[in-house]
């Protein structure tokens, strides 16, 4: 059995998917990009600001699921330019206190809406 998780505090899906799905004690979040949930605008000022918006969107979905970043067990980071890795990593790291999750970071040819970073997470309830 699965439970759909959606919140107005994170961007609405831009396709046929949900913000997150809970199943079998896990929470699977869809990839998040730097869309401001209040107005739907992209936040692309610089890579750090973009990454912060992505992580804030993830935080909102985790909160809706009744958990926080300490429950995250796996993340995937997709970058259009691996040259942004250090800046993304700097912001990303501030959302975790210890016991960092498993992770991979890959460079991709493109991301939705022309963004520079997309992050997805898997958490445990």
N, C-alpha and C. Protein backbone atom coordinates (compact mmCIF):
# COMPACT_ATOMS: atom_id res chain seq x y z
N UNK A 1 0.84 -1.18 0.00
CA UNK A 1 0.00 0.00 0.00
C UNK A 1 0.89 1.24 0.00
N UNK A 2 0.45 2.27 -0.69
CA UNK A 2 1.22 3.50 -0.75
C UNK A 2 0.34 4.68 -0.36
N UNK A 3 1.01 5.72 0.13
CA UNK A 3 0.34 6.95 0.51
C UNK A 3 1.00 8.09 -0.25
N UNK A 4 0.19 8.91 -0.88
CA UNK A 4 0.67 10.06 -1.64
C UNK A 4 0.89 11.23 -0.68
N UNK A 5 2.03 11.91 -0.84
CA UNK A 5 2.35 13.07 0.00
C UNK A 5 2.51 14.29 -0.90
N UNK A 6 1.74 15.32 -0.63
CA UNK A 6 1.82 16.59 -1.34
C UNK A 6 1.61 17.73 -0.35
N UNK A 7 2.27 18.84 -0.58
CA UNK A 7 2.12 20.02 0.26
C UNK A 7 2.14 21.27 -0.61
N UNK A 8 1.42 22.28 -0.19
CA UNK A 8 1.45 23.57 -0.88
C UNK A 8 2.73 24.34 -0.57
N UNK A 9 3.53 23.85 0.39
CA UNK A 9 4.77 24.51 0.78
C UNK A 9 5.96 24.11 -0.10
N UNK A 10 5.70 23.28 -1.10
CA UNK A 10 6.70 22.91 -2.10
C UNK A 10 6.04 23.04 -3.46
N UNK A 11 6.83 23.15 -4.53
CA UNK A 11 6.24 23.34 -5.85
C UNK A 11 5.33 22.19 -6.26
N UNK A 12 4.24 22.53 -6.91
CA UNK A 12 3.35 21.50 -7.46
C UNK A 12 4.09 20.75 -8.56
N UNK A 13 3.81 19.46 -8.71
CA UNK A 13 4.44 18.70 -9.78
C UNK A 13 4.17 19.34 -11.15
N UNK A 14 5.16 19.25 -12.03
CA UNK A 14 5.01 19.81 -13.38
C UNK A 14 4.76 18.71 -14.41
N UNK A 15 4.38 17.55 -13.92
CA UNK A 15 4.10 16.41 -14.79
C UNK A 15 3.26 15.39 -14.05
N UNK A 16 3.11 14.19 -14.63
CA UNK A 16 2.28 13.16 -14.00
C UNK A 16 3.02 12.40 -12.89
N UNK A 17 3.22 13.08 -11.77
CA UNK A 17 3.87 12.48 -10.61
C UNK A 17 3.43 13.25 -9.37
N UNK A 18 3.77 12.75 -8.20
CA UNK A 18 3.50 13.41 -6.93
C UNK A 18 4.80 13.87 -6.31
N UNK A 19 4.71 14.76 -5.34
CA UNK A 19 5.90 15.24 -4.65
C UNK A 19 6.61 14.10 -3.94
N UNK A 20 5.84 13.19 -3.35
CA UNK A 20 6.44 12.06 -2.65
C UNK A 20 5.42 10.94 -2.51
N UNK A 21 5.94 9.74 -2.30
CA UNK A 21 5.12 8.57 -2.05
C UNK A 21 5.72 7.83 -0.87
N UNK A 22 4.87 7.46 0.10
CA UNK A 22 5.29 6.65 1.23
C UNK A 22 4.85 5.21 0.96
N UNK A 23 5.78 4.29 1.17
CA UNK A 23 5.48 2.87 0.98
C UNK A 23 6.49 2.03 1.75
N UNK A 24 6.00 1.03 2.45
CA UNK A 24 6.88 0.10 3.13
C UNK A 24 7.84 0.74 4.12
N UNK A 25 7.43 1.81 4.77
CA UNK A 25 8.28 2.48 5.75
C UNK A 25 9.26 3.47 5.15
N UNK A 26 9.22 3.62 3.83
CA UNK A 26 10.11 4.55 3.15
C UNK A 26 9.30 5.72 2.58
N UNK A 27 9.97 6.85 2.42
CA UNK A 27 9.40 8.02 1.75
C UNK A 27 10.29 8.29 0.53
N UNK A 28 9.71 8.24 -0.65
CA UNK A 28 10.44 8.47 -1.90
C UNK A 28 10.02 9.84 -2.44
N UNK A 29 10.95 10.79 -2.43
CA UNK A 29 10.65 12.13 -2.94
C UNK A 29 11.02 12.22 -4.41
N UNK A 30 10.16 12.85 -5.17
CA UNK A 30 10.47 13.15 -6.56
C UNK A 30 11.56 14.20 -6.60
N UNK A 31 12.29 14.26 -7.69
CA UNK A 31 13.34 15.25 -7.84
C UNK A 31 12.80 16.65 -7.68
N UNK A 32 13.53 17.47 -6.95
CA UNK A 32 13.13 18.85 -6.71
C UNK A 32 14.09 19.79 -7.43
N UNK A 33 13.49 20.82 -8.03
CA UNK A 33 14.26 21.88 -8.67
C UNK A 33 13.95 23.19 -7.96
N UNK A 34 14.59 24.25 -8.36
CA UNK A 34 14.47 25.53 -7.65
C UNK A 34 13.26 26.34 -8.09
N UNK A 35 12.09 25.78 -7.88
CA UNK A 35 10.85 26.51 -8.10
C UNK A 35 10.37 27.05 -6.77
N UNK A 36 10.05 28.34 -6.73
CA UNK A 36 9.49 28.95 -5.53
C UNK A 36 8.02 28.51 -5.44
N UNK A 37 7.63 27.82 -4.36
CA UNK A 37 6.26 27.33 -4.27
C UNK A 37 5.23 28.44 -4.13
N UNK A 38 5.64 29.61 -3.67
CA UNK A 38 4.70 30.71 -3.47
C UNK A 38 4.22 31.31 -4.79
N UNK A 39 5.13 31.38 -5.78
CA UNK A 39 4.75 32.04 -7.03
C UNK A 39 5.09 31.23 -8.29
N UNK A 40 5.71 30.07 -8.12
CA UNK A 40 6.04 29.23 -9.27
C UNK A 40 7.22 29.70 -10.09
N UNK A 41 7.91 30.75 -9.62
CA UNK A 41 9.05 31.29 -10.36
C UNK A 41 10.31 30.46 -10.08
N UNK A 42 11.15 30.36 -11.09
CA UNK A 42 12.44 29.71 -10.91
C UNK A 42 13.38 30.63 -10.12
N UNK A 43 14.17 30.04 -9.24
CA UNK A 43 15.14 30.78 -8.44
C UNK A 43 16.52 30.41 -8.97
N UNK A 44 17.04 31.22 -9.89
CA UNK A 44 18.29 30.90 -10.57
C UNK A 44 19.33 32.01 -10.41
N UNK A 45 19.26 32.75 -9.31
CA UNK A 45 20.17 33.87 -9.09
C UNK A 45 21.63 33.43 -9.18
N UNK A 46 21.98 32.36 -8.48
CA UNK A 46 23.31 31.77 -8.52
C UNK A 46 23.15 30.34 -8.02
N UNK A 47 24.17 29.51 -8.17
CA UNK A 47 24.03 28.09 -7.86
C UNK A 47 23.75 27.84 -6.38
N UNK A 48 24.30 28.65 -5.49
CA UNK A 48 24.05 28.46 -4.05
C UNK A 48 22.59 28.78 -3.71
N UNK A 49 22.07 29.87 -4.25
CA UNK A 49 20.68 30.24 -4.02
C UNK A 49 19.74 29.21 -4.62
N UNK A 50 20.10 28.72 -5.80
CA UNK A 50 19.30 27.69 -6.46
C UNK A 50 19.27 26.42 -5.61
N UNK A 51 20.42 26.01 -5.11
CA UNK A 51 20.50 24.80 -4.30
C UNK A 51 19.72 24.97 -2.99
N UNK A 52 19.79 26.14 -2.39
CA UNK A 52 19.03 26.39 -1.16
C UNK A 52 17.54 26.25 -1.41
N UNK A 53 17.05 26.74 -2.52
CA UNK A 53 15.62 26.61 -2.84
C UNK A 53 15.26 25.14 -3.01
N UNK A 54 16.10 24.39 -3.69
CA UNK A 54 15.87 22.95 -3.87
C UNK A 54 15.78 22.27 -2.50
N UNK A 55 16.74 22.55 -1.62
CA UNK A 55 16.77 21.91 -0.31
C UNK A 55 15.59 22.36 0.55
N UNK A 56 15.17 23.61 0.43
CA UNK A 56 14.00 24.08 1.17
C UNK A 56 12.73 23.38 0.68
N UNK A 57 12.65 23.12 -0.62
CA UNK A 57 11.51 22.38 -1.16
C UNK A 57 11.50 20.96 -0.61
N UNK A 58 12.66 20.33 -0.55
CA UNK A 58 12.77 18.99 0.02
C UNK A 58 12.35 19.01 1.48
N UNK A 59 12.82 20.01 2.22
CA UNK A 59 12.48 20.14 3.64
C UNK A 59 10.96 20.23 3.82
N UNK A 60 10.29 20.99 2.99
CA UNK A 60 8.83 21.15 3.09
C UNK A 60 8.12 19.81 2.88
N UNK A 61 8.59 19.02 1.95
CA UNK A 61 7.96 17.72 1.69
C UNK A 61 8.25 16.76 2.84
N UNK A 62 9.48 16.75 3.34
CA UNK A 62 9.80 15.90 4.48
C UNK A 62 8.93 16.28 5.68
N UNK A 63 8.76 17.57 5.91
CA UNK A 63 7.92 18.05 7.01
C UNK A 63 6.49 17.56 6.85
N UNK A 64 5.97 17.65 5.64
CA UNK A 64 4.61 17.17 5.37
C UNK A 64 4.49 15.68 5.67
N UNK A 65 5.57 14.95 5.44
CA UNK A 65 5.58 13.50 5.71
C UNK A 65 5.80 13.20 7.19
N UNK A 66 6.05 14.24 8.01
CA UNK A 66 6.24 14.06 9.44
C UNK A 66 7.65 13.66 9.83
N UNK A 67 8.63 13.96 8.96
CA UNK A 67 10.03 13.62 9.23
C UNK A 67 10.92 14.82 8.91
N UNK A 68 12.24 14.64 9.06
CA UNK A 68 13.18 15.71 8.73
C UNK A 68 14.41 15.10 8.06
N UNK A 69 15.44 15.90 7.87
CA UNK A 69 16.63 15.44 7.15
C UNK A 69 17.36 14.30 7.86
N UNK A 70 17.14 14.15 9.16
CA UNK A 70 17.80 13.04 9.87
C UNK A 70 17.26 11.68 9.43
N UNK A 71 16.13 11.67 8.75
CA UNK A 71 15.53 10.43 8.25
C UNK A 71 15.97 10.08 6.83
N UNK A 72 16.69 10.97 6.18
CA UNK A 72 17.12 10.74 4.80
C UNK A 72 18.23 9.70 4.77
N UNK A 73 18.05 8.67 3.94
CA UNK A 73 19.05 7.60 3.85
C UNK A 73 19.81 7.60 2.52
N UNK A 74 19.25 8.27 1.49
CA UNK A 74 19.88 8.25 0.17
C UNK A 74 19.48 9.50 -0.58
N UNK A 75 20.45 10.14 -1.23
CA UNK A 75 20.16 11.28 -2.10
C UNK A 75 20.82 11.07 -3.45
N UNK A 76 20.25 11.70 -4.44
CA UNK A 76 20.85 11.75 -5.78
C UNK A 76 20.86 13.21 -6.21
N UNK A 77 22.02 13.66 -6.62
CA UNK A 77 22.17 15.05 -7.08
C UNK A 77 22.51 15.01 -8.57
N UNK A 78 21.77 15.77 -9.34
CA UNK A 78 21.99 15.87 -10.78
C UNK A 78 22.40 17.30 -11.09
N UNK A 79 23.56 17.45 -11.73
CA UNK A 79 24.10 18.76 -12.08
C UNK A 79 24.30 18.86 -13.59
N UNK A 80 24.06 20.02 -14.15
CA UNK A 80 24.36 20.23 -15.56
C UNK A 80 25.82 20.61 -15.76
N UNK A 81 26.49 20.99 -14.67
CA UNK A 81 27.90 21.36 -14.74
C UNK A 81 28.60 20.91 -13.45
N UNK A 82 29.46 19.90 -13.56
CA UNK A 82 30.15 19.39 -12.39
C UNK A 82 31.04 20.45 -11.75
N UNK A 83 31.31 21.54 -12.46
CA UNK A 83 32.05 22.65 -11.90
C UNK A 83 31.31 23.31 -10.73
N UNK A 84 30.00 23.06 -10.62
CA UNK A 84 29.20 23.61 -9.52
C UNK A 84 29.20 22.71 -8.29
N UNK A 85 29.88 21.57 -8.37
CA UNK A 85 29.84 20.57 -7.30
C UNK A 85 30.16 21.15 -5.93
N UNK A 86 31.24 21.88 -5.79
CA UNK A 86 31.67 22.40 -4.48
C UNK A 86 30.62 23.35 -3.90
N UNK A 87 30.04 24.21 -4.72
CA UNK A 87 29.04 25.16 -4.24
C UNK A 87 27.76 24.45 -3.80
N UNK A 88 27.33 23.47 -4.59
CA UNK A 88 26.14 22.69 -4.24
C UNK A 88 26.41 21.92 -2.95
N UNK A 89 27.56 21.30 -2.86
CA UNK A 89 27.93 20.51 -1.69
C UNK A 89 27.95 21.37 -0.42
N UNK A 90 28.43 22.60 -0.55
CA UNK A 90 28.49 23.51 0.59
C UNK A 90 27.10 23.78 1.17
N UNK A 91 26.15 24.07 0.30
CA UNK A 91 24.78 24.34 0.74
C UNK A 91 24.11 23.06 1.23
N UNK A 92 24.20 22.01 0.45
CA UNK A 92 23.61 20.70 0.77
C UNK A 92 24.03 20.26 2.17
N UNK A 93 25.30 20.39 2.49
CA UNK A 93 25.84 19.93 3.76
C UNK A 93 25.25 20.61 4.97
N UNK A 94 24.74 21.83 4.81
CA UNK A 94 24.17 22.56 5.94
C UNK A 94 22.83 22.00 6.40
N UNK A 95 22.22 21.15 5.61
CA UNK A 95 20.91 20.59 5.95
C UNK A 95 21.02 19.29 6.75
N UNK A 96 22.22 18.79 6.92
CA UNK A 96 22.45 17.55 7.67
C UNK A 96 23.39 17.85 8.83
N UNK A 97 23.14 17.23 9.99
CA UNK A 97 23.98 17.49 11.15
C UNK A 97 25.05 16.43 11.33
N UNK A 98 24.74 15.20 11.09
CA UNK A 98 25.70 14.10 11.16
C UNK A 98 25.07 12.88 10.51
N UNK A 99 25.79 11.80 10.48
CA UNK A 99 25.27 10.59 9.83
C UNK A 99 24.70 10.91 8.44
N UNK A 100 25.55 11.47 7.59
CA UNK A 100 25.12 11.85 6.25
C UNK A 100 24.56 10.65 5.50
N UNK A 101 23.60 10.88 4.61
CA UNK A 101 23.03 9.77 3.83
C UNK A 101 24.00 9.31 2.74
N UNK A 102 23.72 8.15 2.19
CA UNK A 102 24.43 7.71 0.99
C UNK A 102 24.05 8.66 -0.14
N UNK A 103 24.92 8.76 -1.16
CA UNK A 103 24.64 9.75 -2.21
C UNK A 103 25.46 9.47 -3.46
N UNK A 104 24.91 9.88 -4.58
CA UNK A 104 25.71 10.00 -5.80
C UNK A 104 25.41 11.35 -6.40
N UNK A 105 26.41 11.85 -7.12
CA UNK A 105 26.27 13.12 -7.84
C UNK A 105 26.71 12.85 -9.27
N UNK A 106 25.85 13.19 -10.22
CA UNK A 106 26.17 12.95 -11.62
C UNK A 106 25.91 14.20 -12.45
N UNK A 107 26.70 14.34 -13.49
CA UNK A 107 26.47 15.43 -14.45
C UNK A 107 25.56 14.90 -15.54
N UNK A 108 24.58 15.72 -15.90
CA UNK A 108 23.61 15.36 -16.93
C UNK A 108 23.60 16.42 -18.03
N UNK A 109 23.08 16.06 -19.18
CA UNK A 109 23.05 16.98 -20.32
C UNK A 109 22.03 18.10 -20.14
N UNK A 110 20.97 17.84 -19.39
CA UNK A 110 19.94 18.85 -19.19
C UNK A 110 18.99 18.44 -18.09
N UNK A 111 18.30 19.44 -17.54
CA UNK A 111 17.33 19.22 -16.47
C UNK A 111 16.06 20.00 -16.79
N UNK A 112 14.93 19.64 -16.15
CA UNK A 112 13.67 20.33 -16.43
C UNK A 112 13.79 21.84 -16.26
N UNK A 113 13.15 22.56 -17.14
CA UNK A 113 13.07 24.03 -17.12
C UNK A 113 14.43 24.71 -17.20
N UNK A 114 15.46 23.98 -17.63
CA UNK A 114 16.78 24.57 -17.80
C UNK A 114 17.52 24.87 -16.51
N UNK A 115 17.13 24.21 -15.40
CA UNK A 115 17.79 24.46 -14.12
C UNK A 115 19.19 23.83 -14.11
N UNK A 116 19.95 24.17 -13.10
CA UNK A 116 21.33 23.69 -12.97
C UNK A 116 21.49 22.52 -12.03
N UNK A 117 20.50 22.32 -11.14
CA UNK A 117 20.58 21.25 -10.14
C UNK A 117 19.19 20.69 -9.86
N UNK A 118 19.15 19.37 -9.67
CA UNK A 118 17.94 18.68 -9.23
C UNK A 118 18.40 17.66 -8.19
N UNK A 119 17.63 17.55 -7.11
CA UNK A 119 17.99 16.62 -6.04
C UNK A 119 16.77 15.80 -5.68
N UNK A 120 16.99 14.51 -5.49
CA UNK A 120 15.94 13.62 -5.01
C UNK A 120 16.43 12.91 -3.77
N UNK A 121 15.51 12.53 -2.89
CA UNK A 121 15.90 11.83 -1.67
C UNK A 121 14.97 10.66 -1.39
N UNK A 122 15.53 9.70 -0.67
CA UNK A 122 14.76 8.60 -0.10
C UNK A 122 14.97 8.67 1.40
N UNK A 123 13.89 8.56 2.15
CA UNK A 123 13.96 8.65 3.61
C UNK A 123 13.23 7.46 4.22
N UNK A 124 13.50 7.24 5.48
CA UNK A 124 12.84 6.19 6.22
C UNK A 124 11.99 6.82 7.31
N UNK A 125 10.81 6.29 7.50
CA UNK A 125 9.87 6.85 8.48
C UNK A 125 10.26 6.40 9.87
